[in-house]
Amino acid sequence: SESIELQLDVLRDAIGLLKQTSNMEKSENQMSEVAEQWTEVKKQAPIAKEAGRNVQEREALKIKNNIQTFENRVKSYSLEFAKKPLFDYATGIDAAYTSIRATREELLKHD
């Protein structure tokens, strides 16, 4: 913003200098038009910033909710996973291996 203001001032000065030596009415009119448009843009900037902030906040909330949902699913699955019979000694070797294979297949489906 400040750099644009500085550039506009430089252009105004250059037009003023050229105006002294030649007819620069068209350039001066264009410069005035640019300055007016820049003023309008500066007026609209806070409105656009606020609109962008609202969109950003809404999307941030959506992402936060998605993360929370995923975290809850992971915690729930972790608790259920720990209850599987493959972790119980009484299950026995053969049944534990069968359960491990089934669990592996189940986990591969989540990939």
PDB file of N, CA and C in Angstrom:
ATOM      1  N   SER A   1       0.821  -1.188   0.000  1.00  0.00           N
ATOM      2  CA  SER A   1       0.000   0.000   0.000  1.00  0.00           C
ATOM      3  C   SER A   1       0.871   1.260   0.000  1.00  0.00           C
ATOM      4  N   GLU A   2       1.867   1.302   0.894  1.00  0.00           N
ATOM      5  CA  GLU A   2       2.738   2.467   0.932  1.00  0.00           C
ATOM      6  C   GLU A   2       3.572   2.570  -0.341  1.00  0.00           C
ATOM      7  N   SER A   3       3.995   1.431  -0.861  1.00  0.00           N
ATOM      8  CA  SER A   3       4.792   1.458  -2.090  1.00  0.00           C
ATOM      9  C   SER A   3       3.947   1.956  -3.265  1.00  0.00           C
ATOM     10  N   ILE A   4       2.678   1.598  -3.295  1.00  0.00           N
ATOM     11  CA  ILE A   4       1.793   2.075  -4.360  1.00  0.00           C
ATOM     12  C   ILE A   4       1.578   3.578  -4.213  1.00  0.00           C
ATOM     13  N   GLU A   5       1.370   4.026  -2.969  1.00  0.00           N
ATOM     14  CA  GLU A   5       1.221   5.466  -2.728  1.00  0.00           C
ATOM     15  C   GLU A   5       2.464   6.208  -3.209  1.00  0.00           C
ATOM     16  N   LEU A   6       3.636   5.665  -2.915  1.00  0.00           N
ATOM     17  CA  LEU A   6       4.886   6.291  -3.339  1.00  0.00           C
ATOM     18  C   LEU A   6       4.985   6.336  -4.864  1.00  0.00           C
ATOM     19  N   GLN A   7       4.611   5.243  -5.521  1.00  0.00           N
ATOM     20  CA  GLN A   7       4.639   5.204  -6.979  1.00  0.00           C
ATOM     21  C   GLN A   7       3.684   6.225  -7.583  1.00  0.00           C
ATOM     22  N   LEU A   8       2.504   6.363  -6.981  1.00  0.00           N
ATOM     23  CA  LEU A   8       1.546   7.360  -7.466  1.00  0.00           C
ATOM     24  C   LEU A   8       2.109   8.769  -7.303  1.00  0.00           C
ATOM     25  N   ASP A   9       2.773   9.030  -6.166  1.00  0.00           N
ATOM     26  CA  ASP A   9       3.389  10.354  -5.969  1.00  0.00           C
ATOM     27  C   ASP A   9       4.476  10.622  -6.999  1.00  0.00           C
ATOM     28  N   VAL A  10       5.291   9.608  -7.288  1.00  0.00           N
ATOM     29  CA  VAL A  10       6.348   9.759  -8.287  1.00  0.00           C
ATOM     30  C   VAL A  10       5.733  10.062  -9.654  1.00  0.00           C
ATOM     31  N   LEU A  11       4.655   9.338  -9.997  1.00  0.00           N
ATOM     32  CA  LEU A  11       3.987   9.580 -11.275  1.00  0.00           C
ATOM     33  C   LEU A  11       3.399  10.989 -11.338  1.00  0.00           C
ATOM     34  N   ARG A  12       2.809  11.442 -10.242  1.00  0.00           N
ATOM     35  CA  ARG A  12       2.254  12.797 -10.201  1.00  0.00           C
ATOM     36  C   ARG A  12       3.354  13.829 -10.439  1.00  0.00           C
ATOM     37  N   ASP A  13       4.489  13.644  -9.766  1.00  0.00           N
ATOM     38  CA  ASP A  13       5.606  14.574  -9.933  1.00  0.00           C
ATOM     39  C   ASP A  13       6.121  14.558 -11.368  1.00  0.00           C
ATOM     40  N   ALA A  14       6.239  13.363 -11.952  1.00  0.00           N
ATOM     41  CA  ALA A  14       6.724  13.254 -13.334  1.00  0.00           C
ATOM     42  C   ALA A  14       5.756  13.940 -14.296  1.00  0.00           C
ATOM     43  N   ILE A  15       4.474  13.754 -14.080  1.00  0.00           N
ATOM     44  CA  ILE A  15       3.472  14.391 -14.940  1.00  0.00           C
ATOM     45  C   ILE A  15       3.532  15.902 -14.766  1.00  0.00           C
ATOM     46  N   GLY A  16       3.725  16.350 -13.534  1.00  0.00           N
ATOM     47  CA  GLY A  16       3.844  17.787 -13.290  1.00  0.00           C
ATOM     48  C   GLY A  16       5.038  18.383 -14.022  1.00  0.00           C
ATOM     49  N   LEU A  17       6.162  17.669 -14.008  1.00  0.00           N
ATOM     50  CA  LEU A  17       7.360  18.132 -14.699  1.00  0.00           C
ATOM     51  C   LEU A  17       7.144  18.152 -16.203  1.00  0.00           C
ATOM     52  N   LEU A  18       6.546  17.082 -16.735  1.00  0.00           N
ATOM     53  CA  LEU A  18       6.280  17.026 -18.178  1.00  0.00           C
ATOM     54  C   LEU A  18       5.246  18.056 -18.598  1.00  0.00           C
ATOM     55  N   LYS A  19       4.340  18.348 -17.712  1.00  0.00           N
ATOM     56  CA  LYS A  19       3.276  19.315 -17.997  1.00  0.00           C
ATOM     57  C   LYS A  19       3.862  20.709 -18.245  1.00  0.00           C
ATOM     58  N   GLN A  20       4.948  20.995 -17.553  1.00  0.00           N
ATOM     59  CA  GLN A  20       5.593  22.298 -17.712  1.00  0.00           C
ATOM     60  C   GLN A  20       6.199  22.459 -19.106  1.00  0.00           C
ATOM     61  N   THR A  21       6.601  21.312 -19.689  1.00  0.00           N
ATOM     62  CA  THR A  21       7.275  21.395 -20.982  1.00  0.00           C
ATOM     63  C   THR A  21       6.376  21.056 -22.160  1.00  0.00           C
ATOM     64  N   SER A  22       5.240  20.389 -21.923  1.00  0.00           N
ATOM     65  CA  SER A  22       4.359  20.024 -23.042  1.00  0.00           C
ATOM     66  C   SER A  22       2.922  19.900 -22.557  1.00  0.00           C
ATOM     67  N   ASN A  23       2.029  19.555 -23.479  1.00  0.00           N
ATOM     68  CA  ASN A  23       0.614  19.398 -23.144  1.00  0.00           C
ATOM     69  C   ASN A  23       0.394  17.976 -22.611  1.00  0.00           C
ATOM     70  N   MET A  24       0.152  17.853 -21.328  1.00  0.00           N
ATOM     71  CA  MET A  24       0.010  16.547 -20.686  1.00  0.00           C
ATOM     72  C   MET A  24      -1.387  16.351 -20.101  1.00  0.00           C
ATOM     73  N   GLU A  25      -2.363  16.989 -20.671  1.00  0.00           N
ATOM     74  CA  GLU A  25      -3.715  16.941 -20.108  1.00  0.00           C
ATOM     75  C   GLU A  25      -4.250  15.512 -20.049  1.00  0.00           C
ATOM     76  N   LYS A  26      -4.043  14.738 -21.118  1.00  0.00           N
ATOM     77  CA  LYS A  26      -4.544  13.360 -21.160  1.00  0.00           C
ATOM     78  C   LYS A  26      -3.880  12.517 -20.075  1.00  0.00           C
ATOM     79  N   SER A  27      -2.566  12.631 -19.925  1.00  0.00           N
ATOM     80  CA  SER A  27      -1.863  11.873 -18.889  1.00  0.00           C
ATOM     81  C   SER A  27      -2.301  12.292 -17.500  1.00  0.00           C
ATOM     82  N   GLU A  28      -2.516  13.577 -17.324  1.00  0.00           N
ATOM     83  CA  GLU A  28      -2.958  14.079 -16.028  1.00  0.00           C
ATOM     84  C   GLU A  28      -4.341  13.531 -15.687  1.00  0.00           C
ATOM     85  N   ASN A  29      -5.222  13.502 -16.683  1.00  0.00           N
ATOM     86  CA  ASN A  29      -6.559  12.938 -16.464  1.00  0.00           C
ATOM     87  C   ASN A  29      -6.480  11.460 -16.115  1.00  0.00           C
ATOM     88  N   GLN A  30      -5.615  10.742 -16.811  1.00  0.00           N
ATOM     89  CA  GLN A  30      -5.438   9.314 -16.520  1.00  0.00           C
ATOM     90  C   GLN A  30      -4.888   9.122 -15.112  1.00  0.00           C
ATOM     91  N   MET A  31      -3.950   9.960 -14.718  1.00  0.00           N
ATOM     92  CA  MET A  31      -3.378   9.873 -13.386  1.00  0.00           C
ATOM     93  C   MET A  31      -4.431  10.142 -12.324  1.00  0.00           C
ATOM     94  N   SER A  32      -5.266  11.115 -12.560  1.00  0.00           N
ATOM     95  CA  SER A  32      -6.354  11.416 -11.613  1.00  0.00           C
ATOM     96  C   SER A  32      -7.301  10.232 -11.504  1.00  0.00           C
ATOM     97  N   GLU A  33      -7.573   9.621 -12.644  1.00  0.00           N
ATOM     98  CA  GLU A  33      -8.457   8.452 -12.669  1.00  0.00           C
ATOM     99  C   GLU A  33      -7.843   7.303 -11.868  1.00  0.00           C
ATOM    100  N   VAL A  34      -6.549   7.075 -12.065  1.00  0.00           N
ATOM    101  CA  VAL A  34      -5.851   6.005 -11.326  1.00  0.00           C
ATOM    102  C   VAL A  34      -5.889   6.288  -9.831  1.00  0.00           C
ATOM    103  N   ALA A  35      -5.640   7.521  -9.448  1.00  0.00           N
ATOM    104  CA  ALA A  35      -5.657   7.888  -8.027  1.00  0.00           C
ATOM    105  C   ALA A  35      -7.037   7.660  -7.417  1.00  0.00           C
ATOM    106  N   GLU A  36      -8.087   8.013  -8.157  1.00  0.00           N
ATOM    107  CA  GLU A  36      -9.454   7.797  -7.672  1.00  0.00           C
ATOM    108  C   GLU A  36      -9.757   6.305  -7.520  1.00  0.00           C
ATOM    109  N   GLN A  37      -9.342   5.527  -8.506  1.00  0.00           N
ATOM    110  CA  GLN A  37      -9.571   4.075  -8.443  1.00  0.00           C
ATOM    111  C   GLN A  37      -8.811   3.465  -7.267  1.00  0.00           C
ATOM    112  N   TRP A  38      -7.593   3.934  -7.041  1.00  0.00           N
ATOM    113  CA  TRP A  38      -6.802   3.411  -5.922  1.00  0.00           C
ATOM    114  C   TRP A  38      -7.485   3.746  -4.591  1.00  0.00           C
ATOM    115  N   THR A  39      -8.040   4.945  -4.483  1.00  0.00           N
ATOM    116  CA  THR A  39      -8.757   5.332  -3.272  1.00  0.00           C
ATOM    117  C   THR A  39      -9.957   4.411  -3.049  1.00  0.00           C
ATOM    118  N   GLU A  40     -10.671   4.089  -4.107  1.00  0.00           N
ATOM    119  CA  GLU A  40     -11.816   3.176  -4.005  1.00  0.00           C
ATOM    120  C   GLU A  40     -11.370   1.778  -3.573  1.00  0.00           C
ATOM    121  N   VAL A  41     -10.257   1.330  -4.118  1.00  0.00           N
ATOM    122  CA  VAL A  41      -9.737   0.000  -3.746  1.00  0.00           C
ATOM    123  C   VAL A  41      -9.379  -0.020  -2.264  1.00  0.00           C
ATOM    124  N   LYS A  42      -8.734   1.042  -1.794  1.00  0.00           N
ATOM    125  CA  LYS A  42      -8.363   1.105  -0.374  1.00  0.00           C
ATOM    126  C   LYS A  42      -9.599   1.092   0.519  1.00  0.00           C
ATOM    127  N   LYS A  43     -10.678   1.721   0.066  1.00  0.00           N
ATOM    128  CA  LYS A  43     -11.921   1.729   0.849  1.00  0.00           C
ATOM    129  C   LYS A  43     -12.529   0.332   0.925  1.00  0.00           C
ATOM    130  N   GLN A  44     -12.383  -0.441  -0.153  1.00  0.00           N
ATOM    131  CA  GLN A  44     -12.985  -1.768  -0.206  1.00  0.00           C
ATOM    132  C   GLN A  44     -12.122  -2.835   0.472  1.00  0.00           C
ATOM    133  N   ALA A  45     -10.863  -2.549   0.709  1.00  0.00           N
ATOM    134  CA  ALA A  45      -9.950  -3.541   1.285  1.00  0.00           C
ATOM    135  C   ALA A  45     -10.433  -4.091   2.633  1.00  0.00           C
ATOM    136  N   PRO A  46     -10.863  -3.251   3.588  1.00  0.00           N
ATOM    137  CA  PRO A  46     -11.339  -3.816   4.863  1.00  0.00           C
ATOM    138  C   PRO A  46     -12.555  -4.729   4.694  1.00  0.00           C
ATOM    139  N   ILE A  47     -13.422  -4.386   3.747  1.00  0.00           N
ATOM    140  CA  ILE A  47     -14.613  -5.217   3.501  1.00  0.00           C
ATOM    141  C   ILE A  47     -14.188  -6.581   2.964  1.00  0.00           C
ATOM    142  N   ALA A  48     -13.274  -6.567   2.007  1.00  0.00           N
ATOM    143  CA  ALA A  48     -12.786  -7.828   1.434  1.00  0.00           C
ATOM    144  C   ALA A  48     -12.035  -8.638   2.483  1.00  0.00           C
ATOM    145  N   LYS A  49     -11.271  -7.948   3.317  1.00  0.00           N
ATOM    146  CA  LYS A  49     -10.518  -8.644   4.367  1.00  0.00           C
ATOM    147  C   LYS A  49     -11.477  -9.323   5.345  1.00  0.00           C
ATOM    148  N   GLU A  50     -12.530  -8.633   5.710  1.00  0.00           N
ATOM    149  CA  GLU A  50     -13.526  -9.197   6.634  1.00  0.00           C
ATOM    150  C   GLU A  50     -14.228 -10.394   6.006  1.00  0.00           C
ATOM    151  N   ALA A  51     -14.578 -10.278   4.733  1.00  0.00           N
ATOM    152  CA  ALA A  51     -15.235 -11.399   4.041  1.00  0.00           C
ATOM    153  C   ALA A  51     -14.291 -12.590   3.970  1.00  0.00           C
ATOM    154  N   GLY A  52     -13.037 -12.342   3.682  1.00  0.00           N
ATOM    155  CA  GLY A  52     -12.052 -13.420   3.644  1.00  0.00           C
ATOM    156  C   GLY A  52     -11.862 -14.057   5.007  1.00  0.00           C
ATOM    157  N   ARG A  53     -11.887 -13.238   6.046  1.00  0.00           N
ATOM    158  CA  ARG A  53     -11.731 -13.759   7.404  1.00  0.00           C
ATOM    159  C   ARG A  53     -12.900 -14.681   7.755  1.00  0.00           C
ATOM    160  N   ASN A  54     -14.117 -14.291   7.370  1.00  0.00           N
ATOM    161  CA  ASN A  54     -15.280 -15.131   7.654  1.00  0.00           C
ATOM    162  C   ASN A  54     -15.163 -16.489   6.967  1.00  0.00           C
ATOM    163  N   VAL A  55     -14.739 -16.481   5.723  1.00  0.00           N
ATOM    164  CA  VAL A  55     -14.567 -17.733   4.987  1.00  0.00           C
ATOM    165  C   VAL A  55     -13.478 -18.576   5.649  1.00  0.00           C
ATOM    166  N   GLN A  56     -12.371 -17.928   6.016  1.00  0.00           N
ATOM    167  CA  GLN A  56     -11.263 -18.644   6.635  1.00  0.00           C
ATOM    168  C   GLN A  56     -11.685 -19.251   7.971  1.00  0.00           C
ATOM    169  N   GLU A  57     -12.421 -18.508   8.775  1.00  0.00           N
ATOM    170  CA  GLU A  57     -12.882 -19.019  10.064  1.00  0.00           C
ATOM    171  C   GLU A  57     -13.828 -20.198   9.877  1.00  0.00           C
ATOM    172  N   ARG A  58     -14.716 -20.098   8.889  1.00  0.00           N
ATOM    173  CA  ARG A  58     -15.658 -21.187   8.626  1.00  0.00           C
ATOM    174  C   ARG A  58     -14.916 -22.453   8.205  1.00  0.00           C
ATOM    175  N   GLU A  59     -13.942 -22.302   7.295  1.00  0.00           N
ATOM    176  CA  GLU A  59     -13.169 -23.458   6.832  1.00  0.00           C
ATOM    177  C   GLU A  59     -12.307 -24.029   7.953  1.00  0.00           C
ATOM    178  N   ALA A  60     -11.753 -23.158   8.792  1.00  0.00           N
ATOM    179  CA  ALA A  60     -10.944 -23.621   9.922  1.00  0.00           C
ATOM    180  C   ALA A  60     -11.795 -24.449  10.885  1.00  0.00           C
ATOM    181  N   LEU A  61     -13.015 -24.005  11.132  1.00  0.00           N
ATOM    182  CA  LEU A  61     -13.918 -24.751  12.007  1.00  0.00           C
ATOM    183  C   LEU A  61     -14.267 -26.107  11.400  1.00  0.00           C
ATOM    184  N   LYS A  62     -14.499 -26.121  10.092  1.00  0.00           N
ATOM    185  CA  LYS A  62     -14.812 -27.375   9.405  1.00  0.00           C
ATOM    186  C   LYS A  62     -13.641 -28.361   9.529  1.00  0.00           C
ATOM    187  N   ILE A  63     -12.428 -27.868   9.312  1.00  0.00           N
ATOM    188  CA  ILE A  63     -11.237 -28.726   9.413  1.00  0.00           C
ATOM    189  C   ILE A  63     -11.054 -29.204  10.851  1.00  0.00           C
ATOM    190  N   LYS A  64     -11.257 -28.308  11.800  1.00  0.00           N
ATOM    191  CA  LYS A  64     -11.133 -28.677  13.211  1.00  0.00           C
ATOM    192  C   LYS A  64     -12.126 -29.784  13.569  1.00  0.00           C
ATOM    193  N   ASN A  65     -13.351 -29.660  13.087  1.00  0.00           N
ATOM    194  CA  ASN A  65     -14.362 -30.691  13.349  1.00  0.00           C
ATOM    195  C   ASN A  65     -13.986 -32.022  12.693  1.00  0.00           C
ATOM    196  N   ASN A  66     -13.450 -31.960  11.472  1.00  0.00           N
ATOM    197  CA  ASN A  66     -13.003 -33.187  10.802  1.00  0.00           C
ATOM    198  C   ASN A  66     -11.888 -33.866  11.580  1.00  0.00           C
ATOM    199  N   ILE A  67     -10.957 -33.066  12.079  1.00  0.00           N
ATOM    200  CA  ILE A  67      -9.851 -33.621  12.871  1.00  0.00           C
ATOM    201  C   ILE A  67     -10.389 -34.256  14.147  1.00  0.00           C
ATOM    202  N   GLN A  68     -11.318 -33.578  14.804  1.00  0.00           N
ATOM    203  CA  GLN A  68     -11.894 -34.108  16.043  1.00  0.00           C
ATOM    204  C   GLN A  68     -12.637 -35.419  15.783  1.00  0.00           C
ATOM    205  N   THR A  69     -13.374 -35.477  14.692  1.00  0.00           N
ATOM    206  CA  THR A  69     -14.089 -36.704  14.333  1.00  0.00           C
ATOM    207  C   THR A  69     -13.107 -37.844  14.085  1.00  0.00           C
ATOM    208  N   PHE A  70     -12.044 -37.556  13.345  1.00  0.00           N
ATOM    209  CA  PHE A  70     -11.030 -38.575  13.060  1.00  0.00           C
ATOM    210  C   PHE A  70     -10.346 -39.023  14.350  1.00  0.00           C
ATOM    211  N   GLU A  71     -10.019 -38.066  15.210  1.00  0.00           N
ATOM    212  CA  GLU A  71      -9.380 -38.409  16.478  1.00  0.00           C
ATOM    213  C   GLU A  71     -10.284 -39.309  17.318  1.00  0.00           C
ATOM    214  N   ASN A  72     -11.572 -39.029  17.345  1.00  0.00           N
ATOM    215  CA  ASN A  72     -12.514 -39.862  18.095  1.00  0.00           C
ATOM    216  C   ASN A  72     -12.588 -41.272  17.505  1.00  0.00           C
ATOM    217  N   ARG A  73     -12.589 -41.359  16.167  1.00  0.00           N
ATOM    218  CA  ARG A  73     -12.605 -42.680  15.524  1.00  0.00           C
ATOM    219  C   ARG A  73     -11.353 -43.474  15.874  1.00  0.00           C
ATOM    220  N   VAL A  74     -10.197 -42.804  15.864  1.00  0.00           N
ATOM    221  CA  VAL A  74      -8.935 -43.483  16.184  1.00  0.00           C
ATOM    222  C   VAL A  74      -8.939 -43.964  17.629  1.00  0.00           C
ATOM    223  N   LYS A  75      -9.379 -43.118  18.554  1.00  0.00           N
ATOM    224  CA  LYS A  75      -9.432 -43.513  19.967  1.00  0.00           C
ATOM    225  C   LYS A  75     -10.374 -44.696  20.158  1.00  0.00           C
ATOM    226  N   SER A  76     -11.540 -44.637  19.519  1.00  0.00           N
ATOM    227  CA  SER A  76     -12.511 -45.721  19.627  1.00  0.00           C
ATOM    228  C   SER A  76     -11.935 -47.018  19.076  1.00  0.00           C
ATOM    229  N   TYR A  77     -11.308 -46.931  17.897  1.00  0.00           N
ATOM    230  CA  TYR A  77     -10.726 -48.124  17.289  1.00  0.00           C
ATOM    231  C   TYR A  77      -9.597 -48.675  18.147  1.00  0.00           C
ATOM    232  N   SER A  78      -8.817 -47.777  18.730  1.00  0.00           N
ATOM    233  CA  SER A  78      -7.708 -48.204  19.592  1.00  0.00           C
ATOM    234  C   SER A  78      -8.220 -49.005  20.784  1.00  0.00           C
ATOM    235  N   LEU A  79      -9.304 -48.532  21.375  1.00  0.00           N
ATOM    236  CA  LEU A  79      -9.888 -49.268  22.513  1.00  0.00           C
ATOM    237  C   LEU A  79     -10.420 -50.629  22.073  1.00  0.00           C
ATOM    238  N   GLU A  80     -11.109 -50.659  20.939  1.00  0.00           N
ATOM    239  CA  GLU A  80     -11.637 -51.921  20.418  1.00  0.00           C
ATOM    240  C   GLU A  80     -10.503 -52.870  20.021  1.00  0.00           C
ATOM    241  N   PHE A  81      -9.438 -52.316  19.440  1.00  0.00           N
ATOM    242  CA  PHE A  81      -8.299 -53.121  19.014  1.00  0.00           C
ATOM    243  C   PHE A  81      -7.646 -53.806  20.206  1.00  0.00           C
ATOM    244  N   ALA A  82      -7.523 -53.074  21.312  1.00  0.00           N
ATOM    245  CA  ALA A  82      -6.890 -53.641  22.515  1.00  0.00           C
ATOM    246  C   ALA A  82      -7.716 -54.774  23.113  1.00  0.00           C
ATOM    247  N   LYS A  83      -9.001 -54.856  22.793  1.00  0.00           N
ATOM    248  CA  LYS A  83      -9.876 -55.902  23.329  1.00  0.00           C
ATOM    249  C   LYS A  83      -9.863 -57.173  22.478  1.00  0.00           C
ATOM    250  N   LYS A  84      -9.162 -57.152  21.352  1.00  0.00           N
ATOM    251  CA  LYS A  84      -9.155 -58.310  20.454  1.00  0.00           C
ATOM    252  C   LYS A  84      -8.554 -59.526  21.174  1.00  0.00           C
ATOM    253  N   PRO A  85      -9.061 -60.714  20.836  1.00  0.00           N
ATOM    254  CA  PRO A  85      -8.607 -61.925  21.527  1.00  0.00           C
ATOM    255  C   PRO A  85      -7.127 -62.247  21.277  1.00  0.00           C
ATOM    256  N   LEU A  86      -6.542 -61.691  20.259  1.00  0.00           N
ATOM    257  CA  LEU A  86      -5.142 -62.008  19.991  1.00  0.00           C
ATOM    258  C   LEU A  86      -4.218 -61.522  21.104  1.00  0.00           C
ATOM    259  N   PHE A  87      -4.690 -60.596  21.944  1.00  0.00           N
ATOM    260  CA  PHE A  87      -3.877 -60.096  23.055  1.00  0.00           C
ATOM    261  C   PHE A  87      -4.077 -60.903  24.336  1.00  0.00           C
ATOM    262  N   ASP A  88      -4.966 -61.877  24.299  1.00  0.00           N
ATOM    263  CA  ASP A  88      -5.255 -62.683  25.492  1.00  0.00           C
ATOM    264  C   ASP A  88      -4.518 -64.015  25.399  1.00  0.00           C
ATOM    265  N   TYR A  89      -3.777 -64.357  26.427  1.00  0.00           N
ATOM    266  CA  TYR A  89      -2.990 -65.593  26.447  1.00  0.00           C
ATOM    267  C   TYR A  89      -3.887 -66.820  26.294  1.00  0.00           C
ATOM    268  N   ALA A  90      -5.074 -66.738  26.868  1.00  0.00           N
ATOM    269  CA  ALA A  90      -5.995 -67.879  26.846  1.00  0.00           C
ATOM    270  C   ALA A  90      -6.492 -68.201  25.435  1.00  0.00           C
ATOM    271  N   THR A  91      -6.326 -67.322  24.496  1.00  0.00           N
ATOM    272  CA  THR A  91      -6.781 -67.540  23.130  1.00  0.00           C
ATOM    273  C   THR A  91      -6.049 -68.711  22.482  1.00  0.00           C
ATOM    274  N   GLY A  92      -4.800 -68.851  22.798  1.00  0.00           N
ATOM    275  CA  GLY A  92      -4.008 -69.929  22.210  1.00  0.00           C
ATOM    276  C   GLY A  92      -3.299 -69.456  20.947  1.00  0.00           C
ATOM    277  N   ILE A  93      -2.268 -70.209  20.573  1.00  0.00           N
ATOM    278  CA  ILE A  93      -1.408 -69.817  19.459  1.00  0.00           C
ATOM    279  C   ILE A  93      -2.155 -69.817  18.126  1.00  0.00           C
ATOM    280  N   ASP A  94      -2.820 -70.910  17.792  1.00  0.00           N
ATOM    281  CA  ASP A  94      -3.484 -71.005  16.485  1.00  0.00           C
ATOM    282  C   ASP A  94      -4.582 -69.956  16.329  1.00  0.00           C
ATOM    283  N   ALA A  95      -5.404 -69.810  17.333  1.00  0.00           N
ATOM    284  CA  ALA A  95      -6.490 -68.826  17.274  1.00  0.00           C
ATOM    285  C   ALA A  95      -5.926 -67.402  17.231  1.00  0.00           C
ATOM    286  N   ALA A  96      -4.818 -67.172  17.939  1.00  0.00           N
ATOM    287  CA  ALA A  96      -4.202 -65.848  17.939  1.00  0.00           C
ATOM    288  C   ALA A  96      -3.673 -65.513  16.549  1.00  0.00           C
ATOM    289  N   TYR A  97      -3.012 -66.486  15.882  1.00  0.00           N
ATOM    290  CA  TYR A  97      -2.503 -66.252  14.532  1.00  0.00           C
ATOM    291  C   TYR A  97      -3.653 -65.981  13.548  1.00  0.00           C
ATOM    292  N   THR A  98      -4.719 -66.728  13.690  1.00  0.00           N
ATOM    293  CA  THR A  98      -5.887 -66.508  12.838  1.00  0.00           C
ATOM    294  C   THR A  98      -6.439 -65.097  13.061  1.00  0.00           C
ATOM    295  N   SER A  99      -6.511 -64.707  14.317  1.00  0.00           N
ATOM    296  CA  SER A  99      -6.993 -63.368  14.657  1.00  0.00           C
ATOM    297  C   SER A  99      -6.045 -62.289  14.138  1.00  0.00           C
ATOM    298  N   ILE A 100      -4.746 -62.545  14.190  1.00  0.00           N
ATOM    299  CA  ILE A 100      -3.756 -61.583  13.675  1.00  0.00           C
ATOM    300  C   ILE A 100      -3.938 -61.392  12.175  1.00  0.00           C
ATOM    301  N   ARG A 101      -4.122 -62.521  11.448  1.00  0.00           N
ATOM    302  CA  ARG A 101      -4.320 -62.413   9.997  1.00  0.00           C
ATOM    303  C   ARG A 101      -5.592 -61.630   9.673  1.00  0.00           C
ATOM    304  N   ALA A 102      -6.664 -61.913  10.385  1.00  0.00           N
ATOM    305  CA  ALA A 102      -7.931 -61.207  10.159  1.00  0.00           C
ATOM    306  C   ALA A 102      -7.780 -59.717  10.495  1.00  0.00           C
ATOM    307  N   THR A 103      -7.070 -59.435  11.562  1.00  0.00           N
ATOM    308  CA  THR A 103      -6.845 -58.047  11.955  1.00  0.00           C
ATOM    309  C   THR A 103      -6.005 -57.323  10.913  1.00  0.00           C
ATOM    310  N   ARG A 104      -5.000 -58.022  10.374  1.00  0.00           N
ATOM    311  CA  ARG A 104      -4.158 -57.427   9.332  1.00  0.00           C
ATOM    312  C   ARG A 104      -5.009 -57.070   8.113  1.00  0.00           C
ATOM    313  N   GLU A 105      -5.849 -57.976   7.676  1.00  0.00           N
ATOM    314  CA  GLU A 105      -6.729 -57.714   6.533  1.00  0.00           C
ATOM    315  C   GLU A 105      -7.642 -56.520   6.820  1.00  0.00           C
ATOM    316  N   GLU A 106      -8.141 -56.482   8.018  1.00  0.00           N
ATOM    317  CA  GLU A 106      -9.024 -55.366   8.423  1.00  0.00           C
ATOM    318  C   GLU A 106      -8.263 -54.043   8.370  1.00  0.00           C
ATOM    319  N   LEU A 107      -7.036 -54.030   8.867  1.00  0.00           N
ATOM    320  CA  LEU A 107      -6.237 -52.803   8.858  1.00  0.00           C
ATOM    321  C   LEU A 107      -5.851 -52.379   7.442  1.00  0.00           C
ATOM    322  N   LEU A 108      -5.591 -53.337   6.566  1.00  0.00           N
ATOM    323  CA  LEU A 108      -5.247 -53.005   5.184  1.00  0.00           C
ATOM    324  C   LEU A 108      -6.409 -52.333   4.456  1.00  0.00           C
ATOM    325  N   LYS A 109      -7.622 -52.637   4.865  1.00  0.00           N
ATOM    326  CA  LYS A 109      -8.797 -51.996   4.260  1.00  0.00           C
ATOM    327  C   LYS A 109      -8.861 -50.509   4.617  1.00  0.00           C
ATOM    328  N   HIS A 110      -8.256 -50.112   5.738  1.00  0.00           N
ATOM    329  CA  HIS A 110      -8.273 -48.717   6.172  1.00  0.00           C
ATOM    330  C   HIS A 110      -7.247 -47.872   5.412  1.00  0.00           C
ATOM    331  N   ASP A 111      -6.344 -48.511   4.732  1.00  0.00           N
ATOM    332  CA  ASP A 111      -5.290 -47.804   4.007  1.00  0.00           C
ATOM    333  C   ASP A 111      -5.874 -47.137   2.853  1.00  0.00           C
TER     334      ASP A 111
END
